[in-house]
PDB file of N, CA and C in Angstrom:
ATOM      1  N   MET A   1     -51.794  25.540  31.122  1.00  0.00           N
ATOM      2  CA  MET A   1     -51.081  25.376  29.876  1.00  0.00           C
ATOM      3  C   MET A   1     -50.041  26.492  29.752  1.00  0.00           C
ATOM      4  N   LYS A   2     -48.838  26.124  29.347  1.00  0.00           N
ATOM      5  CA  LYS A   2     -47.754  27.074  29.118  1.00  0.00           C
ATOM      6  C   LYS A   2     -47.698  27.419  27.638  1.00  0.00           C
ATOM      7  N   THR A   3     -47.332  28.657  27.338  1.00  0.00           N
ATOM      8  CA  THR A   3     -47.253  29.110  25.959  1.00  0.00           C
ATOM      9  C   THR A   3     -45.827  29.509  25.613  1.00  0.00           C
ATOM     10  N   ILE A   4     -45.380  29.042  24.451  1.00  0.00           N
ATOM     11  CA  ILE A   4     -44.058  29.371  23.934  1.00  0.00           C
ATOM     12  C   ILE A   4     -44.219  30.326  22.762  1.00  0.00           C
ATOM     13  N   ALA A   5     -43.484  31.433  22.782  1.00  0.00           N
ATOM     14  CA  ALA A   5     -43.376  32.313  21.617  1.00  0.00           C
ATOM     15  C   ALA A   5     -42.132  31.860  20.875  1.00  0.00           C
ATOM     16  N   LEU A   6     -42.287  31.510  19.608  1.00  0.00           N
ATOM     17  CA  LEU A   6     -41.175  30.947  18.845  1.00  0.00           C
ATOM     18  C   LEU A   6     -40.844  31.815  17.640  1.00  0.00           C
ATOM     19  N   PHE A   7     -39.586  32.166  17.547  1.00  0.00           N
ATOM     20  CA  PHE A   7     -39.060  32.885  16.385  1.00  0.00           C
ATOM     21  C   PHE A   7     -38.114  31.927  15.667  1.00  0.00           C
ATOM     22  N   GLY A   8     -38.322  31.742  14.372  1.00  0.00           N
ATOM     23  CA  GLY A   8     -37.503  30.808  13.610  1.00  0.00           C
ATOM     24  C   GLY A   8     -38.172  29.456  13.431  1.00  0.00           C
ATOM     25  N   ALA A   9     -39.495  29.423  13.459  1.00  0.00           N
ATOM     26  CA  ALA A   9     -40.243  28.159  13.398  1.00  0.00           C
ATOM     27  C   ALA A   9     -40.129  27.448  12.056  1.00  0.00           C
ATOM     28  N   THR A  10     -39.757  28.148  11.004  1.00  0.00           N
ATOM     29  CA  THR A  10     -39.662  27.498   9.696  1.00  0.00           C
ATOM     30  C   THR A  10     -38.234  27.090   9.354  1.00  0.00           C
ATOM     31  N   GLY A  11     -37.305  27.351  10.235  1.00  0.00           N
ATOM     32  CA  GLY A  11     -35.906  27.004   9.984  1.00  0.00           C
ATOM     33  C   GLY A  11     -35.597  25.544  10.267  1.00  0.00           C
ATOM     34  N   ARG A  12     -34.369  25.178   9.988  1.00  0.00           N
ATOM     35  CA  ARG A  12     -33.921  23.785  10.127  1.00  0.00           C
ATOM     36  C   ARG A  12     -34.122  23.245  11.545  1.00  0.00           C
ATOM     37  N   THR A  13     -33.786  24.026  12.550  1.00  0.00           N
ATOM     38  CA  THR A  13     -33.928  23.577  13.940  1.00  0.00           C
ATOM     39  C   THR A  13     -35.288  23.955  14.512  1.00  0.00           C
ATOM     40  N   GLY A  14     -35.775  25.143  14.194  1.00  0.00           N
ATOM     41  CA  GLY A  14     -37.035  25.631  14.742  1.00  0.00           C
ATOM     42  C   GLY A  14     -38.230  24.764  14.412  1.00  0.00           C
ATOM     43  N   ARG A  15     -38.270  24.220  13.197  1.00  0.00           N
ATOM     44  CA  ARG A  15     -39.418  23.379  12.823  1.00  0.00           C
ATOM     45  C   ARG A  15     -39.473  22.108  13.655  1.00  0.00           C
ATOM     46  N   HIS A  16     -38.299  21.541  13.970  1.00  0.00           N
ATOM     47  CA  HIS A  16     -38.267  20.343  14.811  1.00  0.00           C
ATOM     48  C   HIS A  16     -38.615  20.684  16.255  1.00  0.00           C
ATOM     49  N   PHE A  17     -38.123  21.816  16.715  1.00  0.00           N
ATOM     50  CA  PHE A  17     -38.455  22.264  18.075  1.00  0.00           C
ATOM     51  C   PHE A  17     -39.964  22.444  18.206  1.00  0.00           C
ATOM     52  N   LEU A  18     -40.584  23.062  17.209  1.00  0.00           N
ATOM     53  CA  LEU A  18     -42.024  23.305  17.243  1.00  0.00           C
ATOM     54  C   LEU A  18     -42.799  22.001  17.353  1.00  0.00           C
ATOM     55  N   ARG A  19     -42.470  21.034  16.538  1.00  0.00           N
ATOM     56  CA  ARG A  19     -43.178  19.750  16.579  1.00  0.00           C
ATOM     57  C   ARG A  19     -42.943  19.038  17.908  1.00  0.00           C
ATOM     58  N   TYR A  20     -41.722  19.089  18.388  1.00  0.00           N
ATOM     59  CA  TYR A  20     -41.403  18.463  19.671  1.00  0.00           C
ATOM     60  C   TYR A  20     -42.188  19.137  20.809  1.00  0.00           C
ATOM     61  N   ALA A  21     -42.225  20.459  20.812  1.00  0.00           N
ATOM     62  CA  ALA A  21     -42.941  21.189  21.860  1.00  0.00           C
ATOM     63  C   ALA A  21     -44.428  20.854  21.832  1.00  0.00           C
ATOM     64  N   LEU A  22     -45.013  20.767  20.650  1.00  0.00           N
ATOM     65  CA  LEU A  22     -46.443  20.489  20.547  1.00  0.00           C
ATOM     66  C   LEU A  22     -46.796  19.041  20.862  1.00  0.00           C
ATOM     67  N   ASP A  23     -45.793  18.168  20.975  1.00  0.00           N
ATOM     68  CA  ASP A  23     -46.052  16.804  21.433  1.00  0.00           C
ATOM     69  C   ASP A  23     -46.480  16.793  22.901  1.00  0.00           C
ATOM     70  N   ASP A  24     -46.139  17.862  23.619  1.00  0.00           N
ATOM     71  CA  ASP A  24     -46.541  18.000  25.025  1.00  0.00           C
ATOM     72  C   ASP A  24     -47.924  18.654  25.061  1.00  0.00           C
ATOM     73  N   ASP A  25     -48.902  17.942  25.583  1.00  0.00           N
ATOM     74  CA  ASP A  25     -50.283  18.437  25.614  1.00  0.00           C
ATOM     75  C   ASP A  25     -50.450  19.696  26.457  1.00  0.00           C
ATOM     76  N   ASP A  26     -49.478  20.017  27.294  1.00  0.00           N
ATOM     77  CA  ASP A  26     -49.566  21.195  28.156  1.00  0.00           C
ATOM     78  C   ASP A  26     -48.847  22.407  27.582  1.00  0.00           C
ATOM     79  N   ILE A  27     -48.503  22.349  26.289  1.00  0.00           N
ATOM     80  CA  ILE A  27     -47.788  23.445  25.636  1.00  0.00           C
ATOM     81  C   ILE A  27     -48.591  23.943  24.445  1.00  0.00           C
ATOM     82  N   SER A  28     -48.703  25.261  24.340  1.00  0.00           N
ATOM     83  CA  SER A  28     -49.215  25.881  23.120  1.00  0.00           C
ATOM     84  C   SER A  28     -48.080  26.749  22.574  1.00  0.00           C
ATOM     85  N   ALA A  29     -48.165  27.072  21.295  1.00  0.00           N
ATOM     86  CA  ALA A  29     -47.087  27.839  20.672  1.00  0.00           C
ATOM     87  C   ALA A  29     -47.649  28.958  19.812  1.00  0.00           C
ATOM     88  N   ARG A  30     -46.915  30.057  19.818  1.00  0.00           N
ATOM     89  CA  ARG A  30     -47.206  31.195  18.958  1.00  0.00           C
ATOM     90  C   ARG A  30     -45.946  31.422  18.138  1.00  0.00           C
ATOM     91  N   ALA A  31     -46.048  31.294  16.811  1.00  0.00           N
ATOM     92  CA  ALA A  31     -44.879  31.384  15.941  1.00  0.00           C
ATOM     93  C   ALA A  31     -45.002  32.568  14.999  1.00  0.00           C
ATOM     94  N   LEU A  32     -44.002  33.443  15.027  1.00  0.00           N
ATOM     95  CA  LEU A  32     -43.938  34.570  14.097  1.00  0.00           C
ATOM     96  C   LEU A  32     -43.186  34.098  12.859  1.00  0.00           C
ATOM     97  N   VAL A  33     -43.848  34.136  11.713  1.00  0.00           N
ATOM     98  CA  VAL A  33     -43.240  33.672  10.465  1.00  0.00           C
ATOM     99  C   VAL A  33     -43.502  34.677   9.349  1.00  0.00           C
ATOM    100  N   ARG A  34     -42.551  34.779   8.443  1.00  0.00           N
ATOM    101  CA  ARG A  34     -42.740  35.676   7.292  1.00  0.00           C
ATOM    102  C   ARG A  34     -43.763  35.115   6.322  1.00  0.00           C
ATOM    103  N   ASN A  35     -43.758  33.789   6.151  1.00  0.00           N
ATOM    104  CA  ASN A  35     -44.646  33.150   5.189  1.00  0.00           C
ATOM    105  C   ASN A  35     -45.402  32.007   5.875  1.00  0.00           C
ATOM    106  N   PRO A  36     -46.663  32.223   6.242  1.00  0.00           N
ATOM    107  CA  PRO A  36     -47.418  31.173   6.942  1.00  0.00           C
ATOM    108  C   PRO A  36     -47.721  29.961   6.056  1.00  0.00           C
ATOM    109  N   ARG A  37     -47.496  30.083   4.757  1.00  0.00           N
ATOM    110  CA  ARG A  37     -47.712  28.956   3.853  1.00  0.00           C
ATOM    111  C   ARG A  37     -46.408  28.213   3.559  1.00  0.00           C
ATOM    112  N   HIS A  38     -45.372  28.524   4.337  1.00  0.00           N
ATOM    113  CA  HIS A  38     -44.065  27.890   4.155  1.00  0.00           C
ATOM    114  C   HIS A  38     -44.200  26.373   4.275  1.00  0.00           C
ATOM    115  N   GLU A  39     -43.466  25.655   3.442  1.00  0.00           N
ATOM    116  CA  GLU A  39     -43.592  24.192   3.402  1.00  0.00           C
ATOM    117  C   GLU A  39     -43.316  23.517   4.746  1.00  0.00           C
ATOM    118  N   THR A  40     -42.484  24.100   5.577  1.00  0.00           N
ATOM    119  CA  THR A  40     -42.192  23.457   6.857  1.00  0.00           C
ATOM    120  C   THR A  40     -43.358  23.556   7.838  1.00  0.00           C
ATOM    121  N   LEU A  41     -44.322  24.415   7.562  1.00  0.00           N
ATOM    122  CA  LEU A  41     -45.512  24.502   8.416  1.00  0.00           C
ATOM    123  C   LEU A  41     -46.656  23.645   7.897  1.00  0.00           C
ATOM    124  N   ALA A  42     -46.467  23.019   6.748  1.00  0.00           N
ATOM    125  CA  ALA A  42     -47.533  22.216   6.154  1.00  0.00           C
ATOM    126  C   ALA A  42     -47.577  20.800   6.713  1.00  0.00           C
ATOM    127  N   TRP A  43     -46.647  20.430   7.598  1.00  0.00           N
ATOM    128  CA  TRP A  43     -46.599  19.061   8.129  1.00  0.00           C
ATOM    129  C   TRP A  43     -47.919  18.627   8.734  1.00  0.00           C
ATOM    130  N   HIS A  44     -48.537  19.526   9.478  1.00  0.00           N
ATOM    131  CA  HIS A  44     -49.782  19.136  10.147  1.00  0.00           C
ATOM    132  C   HIS A  44     -50.924  19.020   9.153  1.00  0.00           C
ATOM    133  N   ASN A  45     -50.977  19.884   8.158  1.00  0.00           N
ATOM    134  CA  ASN A  45     -52.046  19.806   7.164  1.00  0.00           C
ATOM    135  C   ASN A  45     -51.920  18.542   6.323  1.00  0.00           C
ATOM    136  N   ASP A  46     -50.699  18.201   5.911  1.00  0.00           N
ATOM    137  CA  ASP A  46     -50.493  16.990   5.115  1.00  0.00           C
ATOM    138  C   ASP A  46     -50.889  15.750   5.904  1.00  0.00           C
ATOM    139  N   ALA A  47     -50.418  15.645   7.127  1.00  0.00           N
ATOM    140  CA  ALA A  47     -50.718  14.471   7.946  1.00  0.00           C
ATOM    141  C   ALA A  47     -52.209  14.376   8.242  1.00  0.00           C
ATOM    142  N   LEU A  48     -52.834  15.503   8.536  1.00  0.00           N
ATOM    143  CA  LEU A  48     -54.268  15.503   8.822  1.00  0.00           C
ATOM    144  C   LEU A  48     -55.054  15.102   7.582  1.00  0.00           C
ATOM    145  N   SER A  49     -54.680  15.633   6.442  1.00  0.00           N
ATOM    146  CA  SER A  49     -55.366  15.309   5.199  1.00  0.00           C
ATOM    147  C   SER A  49     -55.282  13.818   4.901  1.00  0.00           C
ATOM    148  N   LYS A  50     -54.114  13.226   5.080  1.00  0.00           N
ATOM    149  CA  LYS A  50     -53.947  11.793   4.819  1.00  0.00           C
ATOM    150  C   LYS A  50     -54.808  10.953   5.756  1.00  0.00           C
ATOM    151  N   SER A  51     -54.843  11.299   7.027  1.00  0.00           N
ATOM    152  CA  SER A  51     -55.606  10.487   7.973  1.00  0.00           C
ATOM    153  C   SER A  51     -57.114  10.684   7.797  1.00  0.00           C
ATOM    154  N   VAL A  52     -57.537  11.899   7.494  1.00  0.00           N
ATOM    155  CA  VAL A  52     -58.973  12.170   7.330  1.00  0.00           C
ATOM    156  C   VAL A  52     -59.494  11.588   6.014  1.00  0.00           C
ATOM    157  N   ASN A  53     -58.676  11.637   4.964  1.00  0.00           N
ATOM    158  CA  ASN A  53     -59.105  11.126   3.662  1.00  0.00           C
ATOM    159  C   ASN A  53     -58.949   9.620   3.522  1.00  0.00           C
ATOM    160  N   GLY A  54     -58.455   8.971   4.571  1.00  0.00           N
ATOM    161  CA  GLY A  54     -58.343   7.515   4.539  1.00  0.00           C
ATOM    162  C   GLY A  54     -57.228   7.003   3.667  1.00  0.00           C
ATOM    163  N   ASP A  55     -56.148   7.740   3.536  1.00  0.00           N
ATOM    164  CA  ASP A  55     -55.032   7.303   2.718  1.00  0.00           C
ATOM    165  C   ASP A  55     -54.217   6.199   3.363  1.00  0.00           C
ATOM    166  N   SER A  56     -54.494   5.879   4.624  1.00  0.00           N
ATOM    167  CA  SER A  56     -53.803   4.774   5.280  1.00  0.00           C
ATOM    168  C   SER A  56     -54.646   3.517   5.136  1.00  0.00           C
ATOM    169  N   ASP A  57     -54.040   2.349   5.323  1.00  0.00           N
ATOM    170  CA  ASP A  57     -54.801   1.113   5.171  1.00  0.00           C
ATOM    171  C   ASP A  57     -55.742   0.896   6.356  1.00  0.00           C
ATOM    172  N   SER A  58     -56.774   0.096   6.130  1.00  0.00           N
ATOM    173  CA  SER A  58     -57.824  -0.083   7.139  1.00  0.00           C
ATOM    174  C   SER A  58     -57.339  -0.823   8.368  1.00  0.00           C
ATOM    175  N   SER A  59     -56.267  -1.592   8.266  1.00  0.00           N
ATOM    176  CA  SER A  59     -55.776  -2.321   9.435  1.00  0.00           C
ATOM    177  C   SER A  59     -55.197  -1.404  10.488  1.00  0.00           C
ATOM    178  N   SER A  60     -54.906  -0.163  10.126  1.00  0.00           N
ATOM    179  CA  SER A  60     -54.332   0.769  11.097  1.00  0.00           C
ATOM    180  C   SER A  60     -55.287   1.904  11.427  1.00  0.00           C
ATOM    181  N   ASN A  61     -56.594   1.663  11.289  1.00  0.00           N
ATOM    182  CA  ASN A  61     -57.572   2.717  11.557  1.00  0.00           C
ATOM    183  C   ASN A  61     -57.462   3.266  12.965  1.00  0.00           C
ATOM    184  N   THR A  62     -57.252   2.409  13.953  1.00  0.00           N
ATOM    185  CA  THR A  62     -57.163   2.878  15.336  1.00  0.00           C
ATOM    186  C   THR A  62     -55.980   3.814  15.508  1.00  0.00           C
ATOM    187  N   SER A  63     -54.828   3.428  14.991  1.00  0.00           N
ATOM    188  CA  SER A  63     -53.659   4.307  15.111  1.00  0.00           C
ATOM    189  C   SER A  63     -53.831   5.549  14.259  1.00  0.00           C
ATOM    190  N   SER A  64     -54.501   5.419  13.104  1.00  0.00           N
ATOM    191  CA  SER A  64     -54.759   6.572  12.245  1.00  0.00           C
ATOM    192  C   SER A  64     -55.696   7.558  12.937  1.00  0.00           C
ATOM    193  N   ASP A  65     -56.743   7.032  13.582  1.00  0.00           N
ATOM    194  CA  ASP A  65     -57.670   7.894  14.315  1.00  0.00           C
ATOM    195  C   ASP A  65     -56.962   8.606  15.456  1.00  0.00           C
ATOM    196  N   SER A  66     -56.105   7.881  16.153  1.00  0.00           N
ATOM    197  CA  SER A  66     -55.346   8.460  17.256  1.00  0.00           C
ATOM    198  C   SER A  66     -54.401   9.546  16.755  1.00  0.00           C
ATOM    199  N   ALA A  67     -53.712   9.278  15.641  1.00  0.00           N
ATOM    200  CA  ALA A  67     -52.792  10.267  15.068  1.00  0.00           C
ATOM    201  C   ALA A  67     -53.558  11.492  14.589  1.00  0.00           C
ATOM    202  N   SER A  68     -54.710  11.259  13.991  1.00  0.00           N
ATOM    203  CA  SER A  68     -55.535  12.360  13.506  1.00  0.00           C
ATOM    204  C   SER A  68     -55.985  13.260  14.666  1.00  0.00           C
ATOM    205  N   LYS A  69     -56.401  12.650  15.760  1.00  0.00           N
ATOM    206  CA  LYS A  69     -56.821  13.416  16.936  1.00  0.00           C
ATOM    207  C   LYS A  69     -55.654  14.213  17.507  1.00  0.00           C
ATOM    208  N   ARG A  70     -54.480  13.590  17.577  1.00  0.00           N
ATOM    209  CA  ARG A  70     -53.284  14.262  18.109  1.00  0.00           C
ATOM    210  C   ARG A  70     -52.914  15.461  17.235  1.00  0.00           C
ATOM    211  N   ILE A  71     -52.970  15.282  15.917  1.00  0.00           N
ATOM    212  CA  ILE A  71     -52.616  16.365  15.009  1.00  0.00           C
ATOM    213  C   ILE A  71     -53.621  17.506  15.106  1.00  0.00           C
ATOM    214  N   ARG A  72     -54.907  17.186  15.189  1.00  0.00           N
ATOM    215  CA  ARG A  72     -55.919  18.242  15.344  1.00  0.00           C
ATOM    216  C   ARG A  72     -55.685  19.028  16.625  1.00  0.00           C
ATOM    217  N   ASP A  73     -55.306  18.335  17.688  1.00  0.00           N
ATOM    218  CA  ASP A  73     -55.020  19.005  18.954  1.00  0.00           C
ATOM    219  C   ASP A  73     -53.795  19.912  18.816  1.00  0.00           C
ATOM    220  N   GLN A  74     -52.769  19.444  18.116  1.00  0.00           N
ATOM    221  CA  GLN A  74     -51.571  20.267  17.910  1.00  0.00           C
ATOM    222  C   GLN A  74     -51.902  21.523  17.100  1.00  0.00           C
ATOM    223  N   ILE A  75     -52.717  21.361  16.078  1.00  0.00           N
ATOM    224  CA  ILE A  75     -53.111  22.506  15.252  1.00  0.00           C
ATOM    225  C   ILE A  75     -53.874  23.525  16.104  1.00  0.00           C
ATOM    226  N   ARG A  76     -54.731  23.032  16.977  1.00  0.00           N
ATOM    227  CA  ARG A  76     -55.517  23.916  17.851  1.00  0.00           C
ATOM    228  C   ARG A  76     -54.603  24.727  18.769  1.00  0.00           C
ATOM    229  N   ARG A  77     -53.485  24.142  19.187  1.00  0.00           N
ATOM    230  CA  ARG A  77     -52.583  24.809  20.121  1.00  0.00           C
ATOM    231  C   ARG A  77     -51.495  25.635  19.431  1.00  0.00           C
ATOM    232  N   LEU A  78     -51.536  25.727  18.103  1.00  0.00           N
ATOM    233  CA  LEU A  78     -50.533  26.484  17.354  1.00  0.00           C
ATOM    234  C   LEU A  78     -51.155  27.730  16.751  1.00  0.00           C
ATOM    235  N   THR A  79     -50.583  28.887  17.075  1.00  0.00           N
ATOM    236  CA  THR A  79     -51.015  30.149  16.480  1.00  0.00           C
ATOM    237  C   THR A  79     -49.883  30.655  15.599  1.00  0.00           C
ATOM    238  N   ILE A  80     -50.189  30.845  14.316  1.00  0.00           N
ATOM    239  CA  ILE A  80     -49.210  31.374  13.372  1.00  0.00           C
ATOM    240  C   ILE A  80     -49.486  32.865  13.218  1.00  0.00           C
ATOM    241  N   ILE A  81     -48.453  33.662  13.408  1.00  0.00           N
ATOM    242  CA  ILE A  81     -48.557  35.111  13.245  1.00  0.00           C
ATOM    243  C   ILE A  81     -47.671  35.508  12.066  1.00  0.00           C
ATOM    244  N   GLU A  82     -48.275  36.085  11.064  1.00  0.00           N
ATOM    245  CA  GLU A  82     -47.518  36.482   9.875  1.00  0.00           C
ATOM    246  C   GLU A  82     -46.869  37.836  10.115  1.00  0.00           C
ATOM    247  N   GLY A  83     -45.560  37.889   9.876  1.00  0.00           N
ATOM    248  CA  GLY A  83     -44.853  39.146  10.054  1.00  0.00           C
ATOM    249  C   GLY A  83     -43.358  38.939  10.106  1.00  0.00           C
ATOM    250  N   SER A  84     -42.674  39.981  10.512  1.00  0.00           N
ATOM    251  CA  SER A  84     -41.216  39.977  10.558  1.00  0.00           C
ATOM    252  C   SER A  84     -40.730  40.346  11.956  1.00  0.00           C
ATOM    253  N   MET A  85     -39.573  39.823  12.308  1.00  0.00           N
ATOM    254  CA  MET A  85     -38.959  40.192  13.584  1.00  0.00           C
ATOM    255  C   MET A  85     -38.532  41.656  13.578  1.00  0.00           C
ATOM    256  N   GLU A  86     -38.503  42.271  12.421  1.00  0.00           N
ATOM    257  CA  GLU A  86     -38.150  43.683  12.317  1.00  0.00           C
ATOM    258  C   GLU A  86     -39.335  44.596  12.631  1.00  0.00           C
ATOM    259  N   ASP A  87     -40.507  44.011  12.800  1.00  0.00           N
ATOM    260  CA  ASP A  87     -41.718  44.768  13.112  1.00  0.00           C
ATOM    261  C   ASP A  87     -42.011  44.644  14.603  1.00  0.00           C
ATOM    262  N   PRO A  88     -41.747  45.699  15.383  1.00  0.00           N
ATOM    263  CA  PRO A  88     -41.936  45.614  16.839  1.00  0.00           C
ATOM    264  C   PRO A  88     -43.359  45.241  17.261  1.00  0.00           C
ATOM    265  N   ASP A  89     -44.349  45.660  16.494  1.00  0.00           N
ATOM    266  CA  ASP A  89     -45.737  45.328  16.838  1.00  0.00           C
ATOM    267  C   ASP A  89     -45.998  43.830  16.694  1.00  0.00           C
ATOM    268  N   LYS A  90     -45.436  43.208  15.671  1.00  0.00           N
ATOM    269  CA  LYS A  90     -45.602  41.768  15.467  1.00  0.00           C
ATOM    270  C   LYS A  90     -44.840  40.974  16.530  1.00  0.00           C
ATOM    271  N   VAL A  91     -43.674  41.462  16.910  1.00  0.00           N
ATOM    272  CA  VAL A  91     -42.913  40.814  17.978  1.00  0.00           C
ATOM    273  C   VAL A  91     -43.712  40.876  19.275  1.00  0.00           C
ATOM    274  N   GLU A  92     -44.267  42.036  19.579  1.00  0.00           N
ATOM    275  CA  GLU A  92     -45.084  42.210  20.788  1.00  0.00           C
ATOM    276  C   GLU A  92     -46.302  41.286  20.747  1.00  0.00           C
ATOM    277  N   GLU A  93     -46.959  41.206  19.603  1.00  0.00           N
ATOM    278  CA  GLU A  93     -48.125  40.326  19.449  1.00  0.00           C
ATOM    279  C   GLU A  93     -47.739  38.862  19.702  1.00  0.00           C
ATOM    280  N   THR A  94     -46.561  38.484  19.247  1.00  0.00           N
ATOM    281  CA  THR A  94     -46.108  37.101  19.404  1.00  0.00           C
ATOM    282  C   THR A  94     -45.788  36.765  20.852  1.00  0.00           C
ATOM    283  N   VAL A  95     -45.124  37.652  21.560  1.00  0.00           N
ATOM    284  CA  VAL A  95     -44.699  37.338  22.932  1.00  0.00           C
ATOM    285  C   VAL A  95     -45.770  37.622  23.975  1.00  0.00           C
ATOM    286  N   ARG A  96     -46.757  38.418  23.636  1.00  0.00           N
ATOM    287  CA  ARG A  96     -47.803  38.764  24.596  1.00  0.00           C
ATOM    288  C   ARG A  96     -48.487  37.506  25.137  1.00  0.00           C
ATOM    289  N   GLY A  97     -48.483  37.348  26.442  1.00  0.00           N
ATOM    290  CA  GLY A  97     -49.133  36.215  27.084  1.00  0.00           C
ATOM    291  C   GLY A  97     -48.316  34.934  27.087  1.00  0.00           C
ATOM    292  N   SER A  98     -47.093  34.998  26.596  1.00  0.00           N
ATOM    293  CA  SER A  98     -46.253  33.798  26.546  1.00  0.00           C
ATOM    294  C   SER A  98     -45.499  33.608  27.856  1.00  0.00           C
ATOM    295  N   ASN A  99     -45.262  32.365  28.206  1.00  0.00           N
ATOM    296  CA  ASN A  99     -44.463  32.044  29.384  1.00  0.00           C
ATOM    297  C   ASN A  99     -42.983  31.949  29.053  1.00  0.00           C
ATOM    298  N   TYR A 100     -42.693  31.570  27.813  1.00  0.00           N
ATOM    299  CA  TYR A 100     -41.310  31.400  27.364  1.00  0.00           C
ATOM    300  C   TYR A 100     -41.149  32.007  25.977  1.00  0.00           C
ATOM    301  N   VAL A 101     -39.945  32.499  25.701  1.00  0.00           N
ATOM    302  CA  VAL A 101     -39.605  33.004  24.374  1.00  0.00           C
ATOM    303  C   VAL A 101     -38.409  32.200  23.890  1.00  0.00           C
ATOM    304  N   VAL A 102     -38.563  31.601  22.709  1.00  0.00           N
ATOM    305  CA  VAL A 102     -37.496  30.800  22.111  1.00  0.00           C
ATOM    306  C   VAL A 102     -37.138  31.433  20.773  1.00  0.00           C
ATOM    307  N   ILE A 103     -35.859  31.771  20.610  1.00  0.00           N
ATOM    308  CA  ILE A 103     -35.390  32.391  19.376  1.00  0.00           C
ATOM    309  C   ILE A 103     -34.450  31.424  18.680  1.00  0.00           C
ATOM    310  N   MET A 104     -34.878  30.946  17.531  1.00  0.00           N
ATOM    311  CA  MET A 104     -34.060  30.031  16.717  1.00  0.00           C
ATOM    312  C   MET A 104     -33.845  30.628  15.342  1.00  0.00           C
ATOM    313  N   ALA A 105     -33.985  31.927  15.252  1.00  0.00           N
ATOM    314  CA  ALA A 105     -33.789  32.624  13.988  1.00  0.00           C
ATOM    315  C   ALA A 105     -32.323  32.988  13.819  1.00  0.00           C
ATOM    316  N   ALA A 106     -31.884  32.943  12.586  1.00  0.00           N
ATOM    317  CA  ALA A 106     -30.482  33.305  12.312  1.00  0.00           C
ATOM    318  C   ALA A 106     -30.417  34.677  11.695  1.00  0.00           C
TER     319      ALA A 106
END
């Protein structure tokens, strides 16, 4: 498994990059963010909550179960690190053990 260190995960482009990267089962991600409760990081929690609570219709249970499993796997492969790019220790923590570093911060 390859690991991506991502800076700018809550931004306009970074959030899409993060979701796209996690669609690959062989990728894990470590994202340094100032606010781990930022709305752009809630996509996985919202989708998981809907599928687990049965908010979808029963005719799509198979696809709902599949989506739920995929989202749980993505959450497992995502590490959120709270901090700032101005903090060298947090930057080091984010990139440590990563194969790639992606900077999408402005």
